[in-house]
Amino acid sequence: MALLKDLAASRVVIEGVEPLIDGGRFAVKRVENEPLTVTADIFSDGHEIIAAALVTHGGEVEGLETPFAFIGNDRWGATVRFATPGPYRYSIIAWRDVFGTWASDTKKKRDAGVDIALELREGEAILEQAAESGRGSREDAKALKALRARVEKFRKLKDEAALYAVFTEAETIELLRRCGVRANLSRYPVQVPVWVDREAAGF
């Protein structure tokens, strides 16, 4: 029973997806290069930060992930465009943002004057997991290798201030957003069809 409760608590819920026509039986219509804004309620129990992405399928956008932005009251949104007429699909994935949660908690402790040596070791472990995830481009792999080298350097020097600064750099945050741990990954069960017409057909 306790295990089932833990599993239920770990879920990231995706619901209230729009646009969605008759549960996905019929295609959402757009014309080429017209914005398609997808919104959904995405939430989870607990204090952990969550993140989500709109995943498109078909043509030039196959497998493309567009990050969702938080709108408010559990509502999230993302916008994509399709440059070529034809059939497409979109789906949604959401997860607990391990690095984002770590960064937020660590900053609070540091601002409160609490020693963060343990948290920095946890940050290094998160970085190692990201390097082993296999996600991202070749450039991301090179960036992760360089980042690990910098972290190792400051760890050996026992320079906690410099080590913490590395983890707060914009480049690090963006890199780990793309390649970091995606705990409790949830997938919206419907791949929503989209039909894109030529621009003239929209009038």
C-alpha atoms as a PDB file:
ATOM      1  CA  MET A   1       0.000   0.000   0.000  1.00  0.00           C
ATOM      2  CA  ALA A   2       2.786   2.431   0.895  1.00  0.00           C
ATOM      3  CA  LEU A   3       4.521   1.672  -2.406  1.00  0.00           C
ATOM      4  CA  LEU A   4       1.326   2.396  -4.357  1.00  0.00           C
ATOM      5  CA  LYS A   5       0.938   5.687  -2.508  1.00  0.00           C
ATOM      6  CA  ASP A   6       4.522   6.613  -3.342  1.00  0.00           C
ATOM      7  CA  LEU A   7       3.990   5.758  -7.008  1.00  0.00           C
ATOM      8  CA  ALA A   8       0.800   7.802  -7.139  1.00  0.00           C
ATOM      9  CA  ALA A   9       2.524  10.755  -5.497  1.00  0.00           C
ATOM     10  CA  SER A  10       5.347  10.612  -8.033  1.00  0.00           C
ATOM     11  CA  ARG A  11       3.122  11.034 -11.072  1.00  0.00           C
ATOM     12  CA  VAL A  12       3.240  14.192 -13.150  1.00  0.00           C
ATOM     13  CA  VAL A  13      -0.290  14.767 -14.442  1.00  0.00           C
ATOM     14  CA  ILE A  14      -1.054  16.107 -17.936  1.00  0.00           C
ATOM     15  CA  GLU A  15      -4.679  17.000 -18.652  1.00  0.00           C
ATOM     16  CA  GLY A  16      -6.953  19.651 -20.129  1.00  0.00           C
ATOM     17  CA  VAL A  17      -5.002  19.691 -23.392  1.00  0.00           C
ATOM     18  CA  GLU A  18      -6.070  22.252 -26.013  1.00  0.00           C
ATOM     19  CA  PRO A  19      -6.561  22.262 -28.950  1.00  0.00           C
ATOM     20  CA  LEU A  20      -7.990  18.748 -28.996  1.00  0.00           C
ATOM     21  CA  ILE A  21     -10.947  17.858 -31.239  1.00  0.00           C
ATOM     22  CA  ASP A  22     -13.134  14.990 -30.079  1.00  0.00           C
ATOM     23  CA  GLY A  23     -10.349  13.411 -28.048  1.00  0.00           C
ATOM     24  CA  GLY A  24      -7.970  13.464 -31.005  1.00  0.00           C
ATOM     25  CA  ARG A  25     -10.265  11.759 -33.520  1.00  0.00           C
ATOM     26  CA  PHE A  26     -10.107  14.760 -35.835  1.00  0.00           C
ATOM     27  CA  ALA A  27      -7.118  16.846 -36.885  1.00  0.00           C
ATOM     28  CA  VAL A  28      -6.429  20.362 -35.655  1.00  0.00           C
ATOM     29  CA  LYS A  29      -6.245  22.607 -38.741  1.00  0.00           C
ATOM     30  CA  ARG A  30      -3.578  25.198 -39.453  1.00  0.00           C
ATOM     31  CA  VAL A  31      -1.988  26.757 -42.533  1.00  0.00           C
ATOM     32  CA  GLU A  32       1.744  26.758 -43.161  1.00  0.00           C
ATOM     33  CA  ASN A  33       3.696  28.979 -40.732  1.00  0.00           C
ATOM     34  CA  GLU A  34       0.576  29.741 -38.696  1.00  0.00           C
ATOM     35  CA  PRO A  35       1.258  29.501 -34.942  1.00  0.00           C
ATOM     36  CA  LEU A  36      -0.147  26.513 -33.102  1.00  0.00           C
ATOM     37  CA  THR A  37      -0.305  27.220 -29.378  1.00  0.00           C
ATOM     38  CA  VAL A  38      -0.884  24.161 -27.212  1.00  0.00           C
ATOM     39  CA  THR A  39      -1.898  24.551 -23.576  1.00  0.00           C
ATOM     40  CA  ALA A  40      -2.372  21.978 -20.820  1.00  0.00           C
ATOM     41  CA  ASP A  41      -2.760  21.609 -17.079  1.00  0.00           C
ATOM     42  CA  ILE A  42       0.460  20.030 -15.809  1.00  0.00           C
ATOM     43  CA  PHE A  43       1.009  19.430 -12.125  1.00  0.00           C
ATOM     44  CA  SER A  44       2.333  17.079  -9.468  1.00  0.00           C
ATOM     45  CA  ASP A  45       2.281  16.603  -5.739  1.00  0.00           C
ATOM     46  CA  GLY A  46       5.249  17.758  -3.725  1.00  0.00           C
ATOM     47  CA  HIS A  47       7.510  20.782  -3.902  1.00  0.00           C
ATOM     48  CA  GLU A  48       9.670  19.602  -6.797  1.00  0.00           C
ATOM     49  CA  ILE A  49       9.946  21.788  -9.868  1.00  0.00           C
ATOM     50  CA  ILE A  50       8.403  20.275 -12.978  1.00  0.00           C
ATOM     51  CA  ALA A  51       9.118  20.847 -16.646  1.00  0.00           C
ATOM     52  CA  ALA A  52       7.388  19.877 -19.866  1.00  0.00           C
ATOM     53  CA  ALA A  53       7.873  19.836 -23.611  1.00  0.00           C
ATOM     54  CA  LEU A  54       5.663  19.799 -26.681  1.00  0.00           C
ATOM     55  CA  VAL A  55       6.889  17.019 -28.967  1.00  0.00           C
ATOM     56  CA  THR A  56       6.040  17.296 -32.668  1.00  0.00           C
ATOM     57  CA  HIS A  57       6.083  14.477 -35.203  1.00  0.00           C
ATOM     58  CA  GLY A  58       6.220  14.570 -38.987  1.00  0.00           C
ATOM     59  CA  GLY A  59       8.254  16.250 -41.682  1.00  0.00           C
ATOM     60  CA  GLU A  60      10.924  18.720 -40.661  1.00  0.00           C
ATOM     61  CA  VAL A  61       9.774  18.791 -37.018  1.00  0.00           C
ATOM     62  CA  GLU A  62      10.022  15.056 -36.311  1.00  0.00           C
ATOM     63  CA  GLY A  63      10.953  14.577 -32.665  1.00  0.00           C
ATOM     64  CA  LEU A  64      11.371  18.315 -32.047  1.00  0.00           C
ATOM     65  CA  GLU A  65      10.895  19.294 -28.394  1.00  0.00           C
ATOM     66  CA  THR A  66       9.598  22.788 -27.649  1.00  0.00           C
ATOM     67  CA  PRO A  67       9.738  23.703 -23.942  1.00  0.00           C
ATOM     68  CA  PHE A  68       6.486  24.630 -22.248  1.00  0.00           C
ATOM     69  CA  ALA A  69       6.305  27.911 -20.352  1.00  0.00           C
ATOM     70  CA  PHE A  70       4.342  28.231 -17.122  1.00  0.00           C
ATOM     71  CA  ILE A  71       1.278  30.453 -17.539  1.00  0.00           C
ATOM     72  CA  GLY A  72      -0.310  30.196 -14.088  1.00  0.00           C
ATOM     73  CA  ASN A  73      -2.669  28.028 -12.010  1.00  0.00           C
ATOM     74  CA  ASP A  74      -1.079  24.794 -13.303  1.00  0.00           C
ATOM     75  CA  ARG A  75      -1.546  25.964 -16.905  1.00  0.00           C
ATOM     76  CA  TRP A  76       1.380  25.662 -19.326  1.00  0.00           C
ATOM     77  CA  GLY A  77       1.749  26.613 -22.985  1.00  0.00           C
ATOM     78  CA  ALA A  78       4.030  26.190 -25.994  1.00  0.00           C
ATOM     79  CA  THR A  79       3.860  27.442 -29.575  1.00  0.00           C
ATOM     80  CA  VAL A  80       5.117  25.813 -32.767  1.00  0.00           C
ATOM     81  CA  ARG A  81       4.827  26.468 -36.504  1.00  0.00           C
ATOM     82  CA  PHE A  82       4.796  24.065 -39.437  1.00  0.00           C
ATOM     83  CA  ALA A  83       6.554  25.307 -42.562  1.00  0.00           C
ATOM     84  CA  THR A  84       5.374  22.570 -44.936  1.00  0.00           C
ATOM     85  CA  PRO A  85       1.802  21.450 -45.700  1.00  0.00           C
ATOM     86  CA  GLY A  86       0.837  17.923 -44.696  1.00  0.00           C
ATOM     87  CA  PRO A  87      -0.023  15.722 -41.710  1.00  0.00           C
ATOM     88  CA  TYR A  88       1.638  16.148 -38.333  1.00  0.00           C
ATOM     89  CA  ARG A  89       1.069  15.066 -34.753  1.00  0.00           C
ATOM     90  CA  TYR A  90       1.904  16.534 -31.391  1.00  0.00           C
ATOM     91  CA  SER A  91       2.258  15.021 -27.948  1.00  0.00           C
ATOM     92  CA  ILE A  92       3.312  16.238 -24.511  1.00  0.00           C
ATOM     93  CA  ILE A  93       5.864  14.966 -22.029  1.00  0.00           C
ATOM     94  CA  ALA A  94       6.398  16.230 -18.489  1.00  0.00           C
ATOM     95  CA  TRP A  95       8.783  15.339 -15.695  1.00  0.00           C
ATOM     96  CA  ARG A  96      10.242  16.358 -12.367  1.00  0.00           C
ATOM     97  CA  ASP A  97      13.129  18.725 -13.053  1.00  0.00           C
ATOM     98  CA  VAL A  98      15.847  17.253 -10.833  1.00  0.00           C
ATOM     99  CA  PHE A  99      18.444  19.934 -11.573  1.00  0.00           C
ATOM    100  CA  GLY A 100      15.932  22.784 -11.322  1.00  0.00           C
ATOM    101  CA  THR A 101      14.743  21.516  -7.940  1.00  0.00           C
ATOM    102  CA  TRP A 102      18.322  21.061  -6.748  1.00  0.00           C
ATOM    103  CA  ALA A 103      19.295  24.571  -7.874  1.00  0.00           C
ATOM    104  CA  SER A 104      16.296  26.156  -6.142  1.00  0.00           C
ATOM    105  CA  ASP A 105      16.813  24.281  -2.859  1.00  0.00           C
ATOM    106  CA  THR A 106      20.563  24.890  -2.871  1.00  0.00           C
ATOM    107  CA  LYS A 107      20.146  28.630  -3.433  1.00  0.00           C
ATOM    108  CA  LYS A 108      17.715  28.876  -0.516  1.00  0.00           C
ATOM    109  CA  LYS A 109      20.169  27.102   1.790  1.00  0.00           C
ATOM    110  CA  ARG A 110      23.118  29.188   0.606  1.00  0.00           C
ATOM    111  CA  ASP A 111      21.163  32.440   1.024  1.00  0.00           C
ATOM    112  CA  ALA A 112      20.283  31.330   4.565  1.00  0.00           C
ATOM    113  CA  GLY A 113      23.955  30.781   5.400  1.00  0.00           C
ATOM    114  CA  VAL A 114      23.693  26.991   5.494  1.00  0.00           C
ATOM    115  CA  ASP A 115      26.734  24.961   4.432  1.00  0.00           C
ATOM    116  CA  ILE A 116      26.077  23.485   0.971  1.00  0.00           C
ATOM    117  CA  ALA A 117      29.000  21.053   0.667  1.00  0.00           C
ATOM    118  CA  LEU A 118      26.611  18.107   0.535  1.00  0.00           C
ATOM    119  CA  GLU A 119      24.410  19.849  -2.019  1.00  0.00           C
ATOM    120  CA  LEU A 120      27.415  20.513  -4.249  1.00  0.00           C
ATOM    121  CA  ARG A 121      28.224  16.803  -4.239  1.00  0.00           C
ATOM    122  CA  GLU A 122      24.622  16.149  -5.231  1.00  0.00           C
ATOM    123  CA  GLY A 123      25.017  18.675  -8.047  1.00  0.00           C
ATOM    124  CA  GLU A 124      28.048  16.796  -9.322  1.00  0.00           C
ATOM    125  CA  ALA A 125      26.040  13.554  -9.274  1.00  0.00           C
ATOM    126  CA  ILE A 126      23.257  15.200 -11.287  1.00  0.00           C
ATOM    127  CA  LEU A 127      25.839  16.369 -13.819  1.00  0.00           C
ATOM    128  CA  GLU A 128      27.248  12.851 -14.116  1.00  0.00           C
ATOM    129  CA  GLN A 129      23.764  11.457 -14.732  1.00  0.00           C
ATOM    130  CA  ALA A 130      23.193  14.056 -17.435  1.00  0.00           C
ATOM    131  CA  ALA A 131      26.449  13.078 -19.131  1.00  0.00           C
ATOM    132  CA  GLU A 132      25.325   9.443 -19.101  1.00  0.00           C
ATOM    133  CA  SER A 133      21.782  10.142 -20.342  1.00  0.00           C
ATOM    134  CA  GLY A 134      22.708  10.109 -24.027  1.00  0.00           C
ATOM    135  CA  ARG A 135      20.362  13.019 -24.777  1.00  0.00           C
ATOM    136  CA  GLY A 136      21.419  16.094 -26.671  1.00  0.00           C
ATOM    137  CA  SER A 137      23.639  16.782 -29.648  1.00  0.00           C
ATOM    138  CA  ARG A 138      27.339  16.163 -30.169  1.00  0.00           C
ATOM    139  CA  GLU A 139      27.910  19.764 -29.169  1.00  0.00           C
ATOM    140  CA  ASP A 140      26.018  19.109 -25.933  1.00  0.00           C
ATOM    141  CA  ALA A 141      28.231  16.081 -25.248  1.00  0.00           C
ATOM    142  CA  LYS A 142      31.334  18.234 -25.719  1.00  0.00           C
ATOM    143  CA  ALA A 143      29.885  20.946 -23.476  1.00  0.00           C
ATOM    144  CA  LEU A 144      29.087  18.393 -20.767  1.00  0.00           C
ATOM    145  CA  LYS A 145      32.633  17.034 -20.937  1.00  0.00           C
ATOM    146  CA  ALA A 146      34.072  20.539 -20.576  1.00  0.00           C
ATOM    147  CA  LEU A 147      31.665  21.307 -17.729  1.00  0.00           C
ATOM    148  CA  ARG A 148      32.648  18.142 -15.864  1.00  0.00           C
ATOM    149  CA  ALA A 149      36.310  19.116 -16.209  1.00  0.00           C
ATOM    150  CA  ARG A 150      35.648  22.562 -14.720  1.00  0.00           C
ATOM    151  CA  VAL A 151      33.652  21.067 -11.851  1.00  0.00           C
ATOM    152  CA  GLU A 152      36.429  18.550 -11.150  1.00  0.00           C
ATOM    153  CA  LYS A 153      39.003  21.331 -11.145  1.00  0.00           C
ATOM    154  CA  PHE A 154      37.180  23.450  -8.563  1.00  0.00           C
ATOM    155  CA  ARG A 155      36.344  20.395  -6.460  1.00  0.00           C
ATOM    156  CA  LYS A 156      40.031  19.484  -6.218  1.00  0.00           C
ATOM    157  CA  LEU A 157      40.825  23.086  -5.313  1.00  0.00           C
ATOM    158  CA  LYS A 158      38.060  22.930  -2.677  1.00  0.00           C
ATOM    159  CA  ASP A 159      36.745  26.215  -4.071  1.00  0.00           C
ATOM    160  CA  GLU A 160      33.065  25.927  -3.177  1.00  0.00           C
ATOM    161  CA  ALA A 161      32.227  29.470  -4.297  1.00  0.00           C
ATOM    162  CA  ALA A 162      33.619  28.859  -7.793  1.00  0.00           C
ATOM    163  CA  LEU A 163      31.975  25.440  -7.949  1.00  0.00           C
ATOM    164  CA  TYR A 164      28.582  26.867  -7.028  1.00  0.00           C
ATOM    165  CA  ALA A 165      29.052  29.677  -9.560  1.00  0.00           C
ATOM    166  CA  VAL A 166      29.567  27.118 -12.347  1.00  0.00           C
ATOM    167  CA  PHE A 167      26.211  25.527 -11.575  1.00  0.00           C
ATOM    168  CA  THR A 168      24.428  28.900 -11.699  1.00  0.00           C
ATOM    169  CA  GLU A 169      25.772  29.975 -15.089  1.00  0.00           C
ATOM    170  CA  ALA A 170      23.121  30.444 -17.776  1.00  0.00           C
ATOM    171  CA  GLU A 171      24.951  28.030 -20.074  1.00  0.00           C
ATOM    172  CA  THR A 172      24.951  25.318 -17.406  1.00  0.00           C
ATOM    173  CA  ILE A 173      21.260  25.784 -16.650  1.00  0.00           C
ATOM    174  CA  GLU A 174      20.331  25.560 -20.331  1.00  0.00           C
ATOM    175  CA  LEU A 175      22.603  22.571 -20.942  1.00  0.00           C
ATOM    176  CA  LEU A 176      21.150  20.599 -18.041  1.00  0.00           C
ATOM    177  CA  ARG A 177      17.636  21.570 -19.095  1.00  0.00           C
ATOM    178  CA  ARG A 178      18.282  19.771 -22.373  1.00  0.00           C
ATOM    179  CA  CYS A 179      20.293  16.835 -21.052  1.00  0.00           C
ATOM    180  CA  GLY A 180      19.480  16.561 -17.357  1.00  0.00           C
ATOM    181  CA  VAL A 181      17.635  13.883 -15.420  1.00  0.00           C
ATOM    182  CA  ARG A 182      13.929  13.575 -16.233  1.00  0.00           C
ATOM    183  CA  ALA A 183      12.497  11.895 -13.166  1.00  0.00           C
ATOM    184  CA  ASN A 184       8.975  10.417 -13.222  1.00  0.00           C
ATOM    185  CA  LEU A 185       8.595  11.143 -16.938  1.00  0.00           C
ATOM    186  CA  SER A 186       4.932  11.210 -17.987  1.00  0.00           C
ATOM    187  CA  ARG A 187       3.559  11.111 -21.534  1.00  0.00           C
ATOM    188  CA  TYR A 188       0.170  12.368 -22.643  1.00  0.00           C
ATOM    189  CA  PRO A 189      -1.527   9.229 -24.016  1.00  0.00           C
ATOM    190  CA  VAL A 190      -2.822  10.863 -27.217  1.00  0.00           C
ATOM    191  CA  GLN A 191      -0.783  11.935 -30.230  1.00  0.00           C
ATOM    192  CA  VAL A 192      -2.972  14.746 -31.490  1.00  0.00           C
ATOM    193  CA  PRO A 193      -3.271  14.943 -35.297  1.00  0.00           C
ATOM    194  CA  VAL A 194      -2.634  18.241 -37.061  1.00  0.00           C
ATOM    195  CA  TRP A 195      -3.309  18.983 -40.716  1.00  0.00           C
ATOM    196  CA  VAL A 196      -1.433  21.890 -42.294  1.00  0.00           C
ATOM    197  CA  ASP A 197      -2.770  23.409 -45.531  1.00  0.00           C
ATOM    198  CA  ARG A 198      -1.062  25.749 -47.936  1.00  0.00           C
ATOM    199  CA  GLU A 199      -1.495  29.363 -46.914  1.00  0.00           C
ATOM    200  CA  ALA A 200      -3.965  30.167 -49.710  1.00  0.00           C
ATOM    201  CA  ALA A 201      -6.240  27.361 -48.506  1.00  0.00           C
ATOM    202  CA  GLY A 202      -6.757  29.130 -45.211  1.00  0.00           C
ATOM    203  CA  PHE A 203      -8.796  31.895 -46.796  1.00  0.00           C
END
